[in-house]
Amino acid sequence: MKWYVVHTYASHEFKIKEAILKGKEGPNLKNKIGQILIPTQKTFYIRDGKKVEREKKLFNSYVILEADLTPEVYSFIVGLPGVTHFLGSGKKAHPLSENEVNRLLGISDRENAETEKFNFISGDMVKITSGPFTDFDGIIDKISDDKQKLTIKVTVFGRVTPVEVGSDQVDIM
């Protein structure tokens, strides 16, 4: 099976995914469609003074699916309401390269990988490895609830200053 990208109407990605999953249960498509991805990322925003979590789609109007693209599968997917076409030239769908697939699967697995690698606690001495404060040393003051952001106290021009950086931008000293 190869990976393909399906273009949909705006905000129809999850409806298309559900329709493909229902159609996949039929005898004609049972073993011809694999995983279906809609890469999302958790984001946070403040509403009424409270931190609210939300899923944000990384690629609007696109569904990525693993399929053995036979004529039956192609016509089934293109025939779904809300699907415009497969990515490719003309009516020929082009599969994604292995490198592109690995990147996409990395996006969907990113949250699991980051929570496993996280090993900081308040008071740790760290060195900032990227961003505007590269090569500054500091002490972790606070860790965000989602463990993505760290507040680090660094000395800038002789003053202790709190700096917020991503947890992937620091190394323990």
N, C-alpha and C. Protein backbone atom coordinates (compact mmCIF):
# COMPACT_ATOMS: atom_id res chain seq x y z
N MET A 1 0.84 -1.19 0.00
CA MET A 1 0.00 0.00 0.00
C MET A 1 0.87 1.24 0.00
N LYS A 2 0.39 2.27 -0.66
CA LYS A 2 1.10 3.54 -0.71
C LYS A 2 0.23 4.62 -0.08
N TRP A 3 0.87 5.75 0.21
CA TRP A 3 0.18 6.88 0.84
C TRP A 3 -0.19 7.90 -0.22
N TYR A 4 -1.43 8.42 -0.11
CA TYR A 4 -1.94 9.41 -1.05
C TYR A 4 -2.57 10.56 -0.28
N VAL A 5 -2.68 11.70 -0.96
CA VAL A 5 -3.31 12.88 -0.36
C VAL A 5 -4.59 13.18 -1.12
N VAL A 6 -5.68 13.34 -0.35
CA VAL A 6 -6.98 13.64 -0.92
C VAL A 6 -7.33 15.08 -0.56
N HIS A 7 -7.72 15.87 -1.55
CA HIS A 7 -8.14 17.25 -1.31
C HIS A 7 -9.64 17.26 -1.09
N THR A 8 -10.07 17.99 -0.05
CA THR A 8 -11.49 18.05 0.31
C THR A 8 -11.96 19.50 0.36
N TYR A 9 -13.25 19.67 0.50
CA TYR A 9 -13.79 21.00 0.78
C TYR A 9 -13.28 21.42 2.16
N ALA A 10 -13.27 22.72 2.40
CA ALA A 10 -12.82 23.24 3.70
C ALA A 10 -13.69 22.68 4.82
N SER A 11 -13.07 22.27 5.88
CA SER A 11 -13.72 21.75 7.09
C SER A 11 -14.48 20.45 6.88
N HIS A 12 -14.20 19.72 5.83
CA HIS A 12 -14.84 18.43 5.59
C HIS A 12 -13.91 17.25 5.89
N GLU A 13 -12.72 17.51 6.43
CA GLU A 13 -11.72 16.47 6.61
C GLU A 13 -12.22 15.31 7.47
N PHE A 14 -12.82 15.63 8.62
CA PHE A 14 -13.25 14.58 9.53
C PHE A 14 -14.47 13.84 8.98
N LYS A 15 -15.34 14.54 8.25
CA LYS A 15 -16.49 13.89 7.62
C LYS A 15 -16.02 12.89 6.56
N ILE A 16 -15.02 13.28 5.79
CA ILE A 16 -14.47 12.40 4.76
C ILE A 16 -13.81 11.18 5.41
N LYS A 17 -13.08 11.41 6.48
CA LYS A 17 -12.43 10.29 7.19
C LYS A 17 -13.48 9.29 7.66
N GLU A 18 -14.56 9.79 8.26
CA GLU A 18 -15.63 8.90 8.74
C GLU A 18 -16.28 8.15 7.58
N ALA A 19 -16.51 8.83 6.46
CA ALA A 19 -17.13 8.19 5.30
C ALA A 19 -16.22 7.09 4.74
N ILE A 20 -14.92 7.35 4.70
CA ILE A 20 -13.97 6.33 4.21
C ILE A 20 -13.95 5.14 5.17
N LEU A 21 -13.96 5.40 6.47
CA LEU A 21 -13.96 4.31 7.44
C LEU A 21 -15.21 3.45 7.31
N LYS A 22 -16.38 4.08 7.08
CA LYS A 22 -17.61 3.31 6.88
C LYS A 22 -17.56 2.50 5.59
N GLY A 23 -17.05 3.11 4.51
CA GLY A 23 -16.96 2.41 3.24
C GLY A 23 -15.93 1.30 3.27
N LYS A 24 -14.94 1.44 4.11
CA LYS A 24 -13.85 0.45 4.24
C LYS A 24 -14.38 -0.87 4.80
N GLU A 25 -15.51 -0.83 5.51
CA GLU A 25 -16.09 -2.03 6.10
C GLU A 25 -16.72 -2.94 5.04
N GLY A 26 -17.01 -2.39 3.86
CA GLY A 26 -17.62 -3.19 2.79
C GLY A 26 -16.65 -4.22 2.24
N PRO A 27 -17.17 -5.27 1.57
CA PRO A 27 -16.31 -6.36 1.08
C PRO A 27 -15.34 -5.93 -0.03
N ASN A 28 -15.71 -4.93 -0.84
CA ASN A 28 -14.86 -4.51 -1.96
C ASN A 28 -13.61 -3.76 -1.50
N LEU A 29 -13.68 -3.07 -0.34
CA LEU A 29 -12.59 -2.19 0.08
C LEU A 29 -11.90 -2.66 1.36
N LYS A 30 -12.29 -3.80 1.88
CA LYS A 30 -11.84 -4.22 3.21
C LYS A 30 -10.33 -4.18 3.39
N ASN A 31 -9.57 -4.75 2.50
CA ASN A 31 -8.11 -4.82 2.67
C ASN A 31 -7.36 -3.85 1.78
N LYS A 32 -8.07 -2.89 1.19
CA LYS A 32 -7.43 -1.99 0.24
C LYS A 32 -7.17 -0.60 0.80
N ILE A 33 -7.71 -0.30 1.99
CA ILE A 33 -7.49 1.00 2.62
C ILE A 33 -6.90 0.76 4.00
N GLY A 34 -5.79 1.45 4.28
CA GLY A 34 -5.11 1.30 5.58
C GLY A 34 -5.43 2.47 6.49
N GLN A 35 -4.37 3.12 6.98
CA GLN A 35 -4.53 4.24 7.91
C GLN A 35 -5.06 5.48 7.19
N ILE A 36 -5.77 6.31 7.96
CA ILE A 36 -6.26 7.58 7.45
C ILE A 36 -5.82 8.64 8.46
N LEU A 37 -5.07 9.64 7.99
CA LEU A 37 -4.52 10.67 8.88
C LEU A 37 -5.05 12.05 8.55
N ILE A 38 -5.32 12.80 9.59
CA ILE A 38 -5.56 14.24 9.49
C ILE A 38 -4.63 14.85 10.53
N PRO A 39 -3.41 15.23 10.12
CA PRO A 39 -2.44 15.72 11.11
C PRO A 39 -2.94 16.96 11.84
N THR A 40 -2.94 16.87 13.17
CA THR A 40 -3.38 17.99 14.01
C THR A 40 -2.32 18.27 15.06
N GLN A 41 -2.45 19.44 15.66
CA GLN A 41 -1.52 19.86 16.70
C GLN A 41 -2.33 20.50 17.81
N LYS A 42 -1.96 20.21 19.05
CA LYS A 42 -2.65 20.83 20.18
C LYS A 42 -2.16 22.26 20.33
N THR A 43 -3.09 23.19 20.40
CA THR A 43 -2.75 24.58 20.65
C THR A 43 -3.57 25.07 21.84
N PHE A 44 -3.13 26.14 22.43
CA PHE A 44 -3.81 26.70 23.59
C PHE A 44 -4.10 28.17 23.33
N TYR A 45 -5.23 28.63 23.83
CA TYR A 45 -5.53 30.05 23.78
C TYR A 45 -6.28 30.42 25.05
N ILE A 46 -6.31 31.69 25.34
CA ILE A 46 -6.94 32.19 26.55
C ILE A 46 -8.34 32.69 26.22
N ARG A 47 -9.35 32.18 26.94
CA ARG A 47 -10.73 32.62 26.75
C ARG A 47 -11.33 32.85 28.13
N ASP A 48 -11.79 34.06 28.34
CA ASP A 48 -12.37 34.46 29.63
C ASP A 48 -11.41 34.19 30.78
N GLY A 49 -10.13 34.43 30.54
CA GLY A 49 -9.12 34.26 31.57
C GLY A 49 -8.71 32.83 31.84
N LYS A 50 -9.21 31.88 31.03
CA LYS A 50 -8.87 30.47 31.23
C LYS A 50 -8.14 29.94 30.00
N LYS A 51 -7.21 29.04 30.26
CA LYS A 51 -6.45 28.41 29.18
C LYS A 51 -7.31 27.30 28.58
N VAL A 52 -7.56 27.38 27.27
CA VAL A 52 -8.40 26.41 26.59
C VAL A 52 -7.56 25.67 25.55
N GLU A 53 -7.66 24.34 25.54
CA GLU A 53 -6.92 23.51 24.59
C GLU A 53 -7.78 23.29 23.35
N ARG A 54 -7.13 23.24 22.19
CA ARG A 54 -7.86 23.04 20.94
C ARG A 54 -6.96 22.30 19.96
N GLU A 55 -7.57 21.47 19.14
CA GLU A 55 -6.84 20.77 18.07
C GLU A 55 -6.86 21.64 16.83
N LYS A 56 -5.70 21.89 16.26
CA LYS A 56 -5.59 22.70 15.06
C LYS A 56 -5.07 21.81 13.93
N LYS A 57 -5.76 21.83 12.79
CA LYS A 57 -5.32 21.04 11.64
C LYS A 57 -4.07 21.67 11.04
N LEU A 58 -3.08 20.83 10.73
CA LEU A 58 -1.85 21.34 10.14
C LEU A 58 -2.01 21.57 8.64
N PHE A 59 -2.82 20.75 7.98
CA PHE A 59 -3.05 20.89 6.54
C PHE A 59 -4.55 20.99 6.30
N ASN A 60 -5.06 22.20 6.19
CA ASN A 60 -6.49 22.39 5.95
C ASN A 60 -6.88 21.83 4.59
N SER A 61 -8.01 21.18 4.53
CA SER A 61 -8.61 20.63 3.31
C SER A 61 -7.86 19.42 2.75
N TYR A 62 -7.06 18.73 3.57
CA TYR A 62 -6.35 17.55 3.08
C TYR A 62 -6.51 16.38 4.05
N VAL A 63 -6.70 15.20 3.47
CA VAL A 63 -6.74 13.94 4.21
C VAL A 63 -5.65 13.06 3.61
N ILE A 64 -4.85 12.44 4.45
CA ILE A 64 -3.77 11.58 3.98
C ILE A 64 -4.19 10.15 4.28
N LEU A 65 -4.14 9.28 3.27
CA LEU A 65 -4.56 7.91 3.49
C LEU A 65 -3.62 6.92 2.84
N GLU A 66 -3.57 5.75 3.45
CA GLU A 66 -2.78 4.64 2.95
C GLU A 66 -3.74 3.72 2.21
N ALA A 67 -3.45 3.44 0.94
CA ALA A 67 -4.39 2.64 0.16
C ALA A 67 -3.68 1.92 -0.98
N ASP A 68 -4.30 0.83 -1.38
CA ASP A 68 -3.95 0.15 -2.62
C ASP A 68 -4.91 0.75 -3.64
N LEU A 69 -4.44 1.71 -4.41
CA LEU A 69 -5.33 2.55 -5.22
C LEU A 69 -5.78 1.84 -6.49
N THR A 70 -6.73 0.94 -6.32
CA THR A 70 -7.34 0.28 -7.47
C THR A 70 -8.41 1.21 -8.04
N PRO A 71 -8.91 0.94 -9.24
CA PRO A 71 -9.99 1.80 -9.79
C PRO A 71 -11.22 1.87 -8.89
N GLU A 72 -11.55 0.76 -8.19
CA GLU A 72 -12.72 0.80 -7.28
C GLU A 72 -12.48 1.76 -6.12
N VAL A 73 -11.27 1.69 -5.53
CA VAL A 73 -10.95 2.57 -4.39
C VAL A 73 -10.93 4.02 -4.86
N TYR A 74 -10.30 4.27 -6.00
CA TYR A 74 -10.22 5.63 -6.53
C TYR A 74 -11.62 6.20 -6.76
N SER A 75 -12.48 5.45 -7.43
CA SER A 75 -13.82 5.98 -7.73
C SER A 75 -14.65 6.13 -6.46
N PHE A 76 -14.47 5.22 -5.48
CA PHE A 76 -15.20 5.36 -4.22
C PHE A 76 -14.82 6.66 -3.51
N ILE A 77 -13.52 6.92 -3.40
CA ILE A 77 -13.07 8.11 -2.65
C ILE A 77 -13.43 9.39 -3.40
N VAL A 78 -13.18 9.44 -4.69
CA VAL A 78 -13.49 10.65 -5.47
C VAL A 78 -15.00 10.88 -5.51
N GLY A 79 -15.79 9.83 -5.40
CA GLY A 79 -17.24 9.95 -5.43
C GLY A 79 -17.86 10.42 -4.12
N LEU A 80 -17.07 10.49 -3.05
CA LEU A 80 -17.62 10.94 -1.77
C LEU A 80 -17.95 12.43 -1.83
N PRO A 81 -19.09 12.83 -1.27
CA PRO A 81 -19.41 14.26 -1.25
C PRO A 81 -18.39 15.01 -0.39
N GLY A 82 -17.81 16.05 -0.92
CA GLY A 82 -16.82 16.85 -0.20
C GLY A 82 -15.41 16.60 -0.68
N VAL A 83 -15.18 15.56 -1.48
CA VAL A 83 -13.85 15.27 -2.03
C VAL A 83 -13.75 15.92 -3.40
N THR A 84 -12.66 16.67 -3.63
CA THR A 84 -12.49 17.29 -4.95
C THR A 84 -11.60 16.44 -5.84
N HIS A 85 -10.46 15.96 -5.32
CA HIS A 85 -9.55 15.16 -6.14
C HIS A 85 -8.39 14.62 -5.30
N PHE A 86 -7.63 13.71 -5.89
CA PHE A 86 -6.37 13.26 -5.31
C PHE A 86 -5.29 14.22 -5.78
N LEU A 87 -4.24 14.40 -4.97
CA LEU A 87 -3.11 15.20 -5.42
C LEU A 87 -2.34 14.42 -6.47
N GLY A 88 -2.04 15.08 -7.56
CA GLY A 88 -1.33 14.45 -8.66
C GLY A 88 -1.56 15.27 -9.91
N SER A 89 -1.23 14.70 -11.04
CA SER A 89 -1.43 15.43 -12.29
C SER A 89 -2.61 14.83 -13.03
N GLY A 90 -3.53 15.68 -13.40
CA GLY A 90 -4.73 15.22 -14.10
C GLY A 90 -5.54 14.30 -13.21
N LYS A 91 -5.92 13.15 -13.76
CA LYS A 91 -6.69 12.18 -12.99
C LYS A 91 -5.81 11.09 -12.39
N LYS A 92 -4.50 11.26 -12.50
CA LYS A 92 -3.57 10.26 -11.96
C LYS A 92 -3.07 10.73 -10.59
N ALA A 93 -3.35 9.95 -9.56
CA ALA A 93 -2.90 10.27 -8.21
C ALA A 93 -1.44 9.87 -8.04
N HIS A 94 -0.65 10.77 -7.45
CA HIS A 94 0.76 10.48 -7.19
C HIS A 94 0.92 10.11 -5.72
N PRO A 95 1.58 8.97 -5.44
CA PRO A 95 1.81 8.61 -4.04
C PRO A 95 2.88 9.50 -3.43
N LEU A 96 2.84 9.60 -2.10
CA LEU A 96 3.87 10.36 -1.38
C LEU A 96 5.16 9.55 -1.34
N SER A 97 6.27 10.27 -1.28
CA SER A 97 7.56 9.59 -1.15
C SER A 97 7.71 9.05 0.27
N GLU A 98 8.63 8.13 0.45
CA GLU A 98 8.85 7.54 1.77
C GLU A 98 9.29 8.59 2.79
N ASN A 99 10.10 9.55 2.35
CA ASN A 99 10.55 10.63 3.22
C ASN A 99 9.37 11.47 3.70
N GLU A 100 8.45 11.80 2.79
CA GLU A 100 7.27 12.59 3.16
C GLU A 100 6.39 11.82 4.14
N VAL A 101 6.23 10.54 3.91
CA VAL A 101 5.41 9.70 4.80
C VAL A 101 6.03 9.66 6.19
N ASN A 102 7.35 9.49 6.26
CA ASN A 102 8.02 9.45 7.56
C ASN A 102 7.84 10.76 8.31
N ARG A 103 7.91 11.88 7.61
CA ARG A 103 7.68 13.18 8.25
C ARG A 103 6.26 13.28 8.77
N LEU A 104 5.27 12.86 7.98
CA LEU A 104 3.87 12.93 8.41
C LEU A 104 3.62 12.03 9.60
N LEU A 105 4.15 10.83 9.57
CA LEU A 105 3.96 9.93 10.70
C LEU A 105 4.67 10.47 11.93
N GLY A 106 5.76 11.17 11.73
CA GLY A 106 6.46 11.83 12.84
C GLY A 106 5.61 12.91 13.46
N ILE A 107 4.86 13.63 12.64
CA ILE A 107 3.96 14.67 13.16
C ILE A 107 2.90 14.03 14.03
N SER A 108 2.31 12.93 13.59
CA SER A 108 1.25 12.31 14.39
C SER A 108 1.79 11.66 15.65
N ASP A 109 3.07 11.25 15.66
CA ASP A 109 3.66 10.62 16.83
C ASP A 109 4.42 11.60 17.72
N ARG A 110 4.47 12.87 17.34
CA ARG A 110 5.29 13.86 18.04
C ARG A 110 4.90 13.99 19.51
N GLU A 111 3.61 14.02 19.80
CA GLU A 111 3.19 14.24 21.18
C GLU A 111 3.67 13.11 22.08
N ASN A 112 3.58 11.87 21.62
CA ASN A 112 4.04 10.74 22.42
C ASN A 112 5.54 10.81 22.65
N ALA A 113 6.28 11.15 21.63
CA ALA A 113 7.74 11.20 21.74
C ALA A 113 8.18 12.29 22.71
N GLU A 114 7.53 13.44 22.67
CA GLU A 114 7.95 14.54 23.54
C GLU A 114 7.67 14.24 25.00
N THR A 115 6.54 13.61 25.29
CA THR A 115 6.25 13.33 26.68
C THR A 115 7.18 12.27 27.23
N GLU A 116 7.64 11.34 26.37
CA GLU A 116 8.57 10.33 26.84
C GLU A 116 9.95 10.92 27.12
N LYS A 117 10.40 11.87 26.31
CA LYS A 117 11.74 12.43 26.44
C LYS A 117 11.84 13.48 27.54
N PHE A 118 10.73 14.01 28.03
CA PHE A 118 10.75 15.11 28.97
C PHE A 118 11.30 14.65 30.31
N ASN A 119 12.39 15.30 30.75
CA ASN A 119 12.99 14.89 32.02
C ASN A 119 13.54 16.09 32.79
N PHE A 120 12.78 17.18 32.81
CA PHE A 120 13.19 18.39 33.53
C PHE A 120 12.35 18.55 34.79
N ILE A 121 12.96 19.18 35.80
CA ILE A 121 12.22 19.58 36.99
C ILE A 121 12.66 20.99 37.35
N SER A 122 11.83 21.69 38.09
CA SER A 122 12.17 23.05 38.53
C SER A 122 13.47 23.01 39.32
N GLY A 123 14.36 23.96 39.05
CA GLY A 123 15.64 24.03 39.74
C GLY A 123 16.79 23.43 38.95
N ASP A 124 16.49 22.73 37.84
CA ASP A 124 17.56 22.17 37.01
C ASP A 124 18.35 23.29 36.34
N MET A 125 19.66 23.10 36.25
CA MET A 125 20.53 24.02 35.53
C MET A 125 20.54 23.57 34.07
N VAL A 126 20.22 24.49 33.14
CA VAL A 126 20.13 24.13 31.72
C VAL A 126 20.89 25.14 30.86
N LYS A 127 21.17 24.71 29.63
CA LYS A 127 21.80 25.58 28.64
C LYS A 127 20.81 25.69 27.48
N ILE A 128 20.51 26.91 27.05
CA ILE A 128 19.59 27.13 25.93
C ILE A 128 20.37 26.86 24.63
N THR A 129 19.81 25.99 23.77
CA THR A 129 20.52 25.55 22.56
C THR A 129 20.04 26.21 21.28
N SER A 130 18.87 26.86 21.30
CA SER A 130 18.40 27.53 20.09
C SER A 130 17.50 28.70 20.47
N GLY A 131 17.27 29.58 19.49
CA GLY A 131 16.46 30.77 19.72
C GLY A 131 17.33 31.98 20.02
N PRO A 132 16.69 33.08 20.40
CA PRO A 132 17.44 34.32 20.62
C PRO A 132 18.38 34.27 21.83
N PHE A 133 18.17 33.33 22.73
CA PHE A 133 19.02 33.23 23.93
C PHE A 133 19.98 32.04 23.87
N THR A 134 20.37 31.66 22.65
CA THR A 134 21.29 30.54 22.47
C THR A 134 22.56 30.76 23.27
N ASP A 135 23.05 29.69 23.90
CA ASP A 135 24.26 29.64 24.72
C ASP A 135 24.13 30.33 26.07
N PHE A 136 22.93 30.76 26.48
CA PHE A 136 22.73 31.28 27.82
C PHE A 136 22.49 30.10 28.75
N ASP A 137 23.02 30.22 29.98
CA ASP A 137 22.77 29.23 31.01
C ASP A 137 21.73 29.79 31.96
N GLY A 138 20.93 28.92 32.55
CA GLY A 138 19.93 29.39 33.50
C GLY A 138 19.38 28.25 34.33
N ILE A 139 18.43 28.61 35.19
CA ILE A 139 17.79 27.65 36.08
C ILE A 139 16.30 27.63 35.75
N ILE A 140 15.75 26.43 35.64
CA ILE A 140 14.31 26.30 35.34
C ILE A 140 13.52 26.81 36.53
N ASP A 141 12.63 27.76 36.25
CA ASP A 141 11.79 28.34 37.28
C ASP A 141 10.40 27.69 37.27
N LYS A 142 9.80 27.59 36.07
CA LYS A 142 8.46 27.02 35.94
C LYS A 142 8.41 26.11 34.73
N ILE A 143 7.50 25.15 34.79
CA ILE A 143 7.24 24.24 33.68
C ILE A 143 5.75 24.33 33.37
N SER A 144 5.39 24.55 32.10
CA SER A 144 3.98 24.66 31.75
C SER A 144 3.28 23.32 31.96
N ASP A 145 1.94 23.37 32.06
CA ASP A 145 1.15 22.16 32.30
C ASP A 145 1.35 21.12 31.20
N ASP A 146 1.49 21.57 29.96
CA ASP A 146 1.64 20.63 28.85
C ASP A 146 3.09 20.24 28.61
N LYS A 147 4.00 20.73 29.43
CA LYS A 147 5.44 20.42 29.40
C LYS A 147 6.10 20.83 28.07
N GLN A 148 5.53 21.78 27.38
CA GLN A 148 6.10 22.26 26.13
C GLN A 148 6.94 23.51 26.34
N LYS A 149 6.62 24.32 27.34
CA LYS A 149 7.32 25.58 27.60
C LYS A 149 7.95 25.56 28.98
N LEU A 150 9.15 26.14 29.05
CA LEU A 150 9.86 26.28 30.31
C LEU A 150 10.14 27.76 30.54
N THR A 151 10.00 28.20 31.77
CA THR A 151 10.43 29.55 32.13
C THR A 151 11.77 29.39 32.83
N ILE A 152 12.78 30.01 32.24
CA ILE A 152 14.15 29.87 32.75
C ILE A 152 14.66 31.23 33.19
N LYS A 153 15.31 31.28 34.35
CA LYS A 153 15.92 32.51 34.84
C LYS A 153 17.35 32.58 34.31
N VAL A 154 17.60 33.57 33.44
CA VAL A 154 18.94 33.77 32.89
C VAL A 154 19.44 35.15 33.31
N THR A 155 20.75 35.34 33.29
CA THR A 155 21.33 36.63 33.63
C THR A 155 21.66 37.36 32.33
N VAL A 156 20.97 38.49 32.12
CA VAL A 156 21.19 39.31 30.93
C VAL A 156 21.63 40.70 31.41
N PHE A 157 22.81 41.12 31.01
CA PHE A 157 23.37 42.41 31.41
C PHE A 157 23.36 42.58 32.93
N GLY A 158 23.71 41.51 33.64
CA GLY A 158 23.83 41.60 35.09
C GLY A 158 22.53 41.49 35.85
N ARG A 159 21.41 41.28 35.15
CA ARG A 159 20.11 41.15 35.82
C ARG A 159 19.50 39.79 35.53
N VAL A 160 18.86 39.22 36.54
CA VAL A 160 18.18 37.94 36.36
C VAL A 160 16.85 38.22 35.66
N THR A 161 16.66 37.57 34.53
CA THR A 161 15.49 37.80 33.70
C THR A 161 14.80 36.47 33.38
N PRO A 162 13.47 36.37 33.58
CA PRO A 162 12.78 35.14 33.19
C PRO A 162 12.58 35.10 31.67
N VAL A 163 12.89 33.96 31.06
CA VAL A 163 12.78 33.77 29.62
C VAL A 163 11.96 32.51 29.38
N GLU A 164 10.98 32.59 28.47
CA GLU A 164 10.18 31.41 28.15
C GLU A 164 10.69 30.77 26.86
N VAL A 165 11.03 29.49 26.93
CA VAL A 165 11.54 28.75 25.76
C VAL A 165 10.82 27.40 25.68
N GLY A 166 10.90 26.78 24.51
CA GLY A 166 10.33 25.44 24.34
C GLY A 166 11.22 24.41 25.01
N SER A 167 10.60 23.33 25.44
CA SER A 167 11.37 22.29 26.14
C SER A 167 12.38 21.61 25.20
N ASP A 168 12.19 21.75 23.89
CA ASP A 168 13.15 21.18 22.95
C ASP A 168 14.31 22.12 22.65
N GLN A 169 14.33 23.30 23.28
CA GLN A 169 15.38 24.28 23.05
C GLN A 169 16.44 24.30 24.14
N VAL A 170 16.40 23.33 25.06
CA VAL A 170 17.33 23.34 26.18
C VAL A 170 17.95 21.96 26.38
N ASP A 171 19.14 21.96 26.98
CA ASP A 171 19.81 20.74 27.39
C ASP A 171 20.21 20.88 28.85
N ILE A 172 20.16 19.77 29.58
CA ILE A 172 20.59 19.80 30.98
C ILE A 172 22.10 19.89 31.01
N MET A 173 22.61 20.71 31.92
CA MET A 173 24.07 20.87 32.04
C MET A 173 24.64 19.82 32.97
